[in-house]
Amino acid sequence: MMQCLYQNLPMGYSDDLMHANVFEECAAASSHSLDFETIASCHDDTIKSWLLQVYHSDQTPGEHTFIPWVEVNGKRVVNEELDLLDVIVCKAFIGDGDGNGVIDVCSDLLGGQEEGVASIF
């Protein structure tokens, strides 16, 4: 879902409301079968939404100063590398020896991009 949102939402800060259909389409396209109605009901409940934001703000380390803050195996993935996030995650699974069920899924990704990622992770 994150890749879909990354591709369909404008980058940078905006006070403009985003159309719900983008989120609904990305949830439907997700391989994790995300239920948009559940996400929307949480978003639309101002008390739940505020409590969720406060809780996670309190849990966020001070050095995390922007969104998205992504780490793979404790190494920060910077914005320039986010286009390679799926490849970075595949390499992390395979590199840790935990990639038994992931290797087939990742083989196409790593086939053409492995060398570029090796310098990152």
Foldseek 3Di string as FASTA:
>chain_A
DVVQCVVPPDDDDDPDDDDLVSVVVVCCPDPVNHDSVVVVVCVVPVVSVVVVVVVVVVVDDPVPDDPPFDDDPNHTQDPVCPVVVVLLNQCSCVVVVNCPVPCVVCVVVCVVCVVVCVVVD
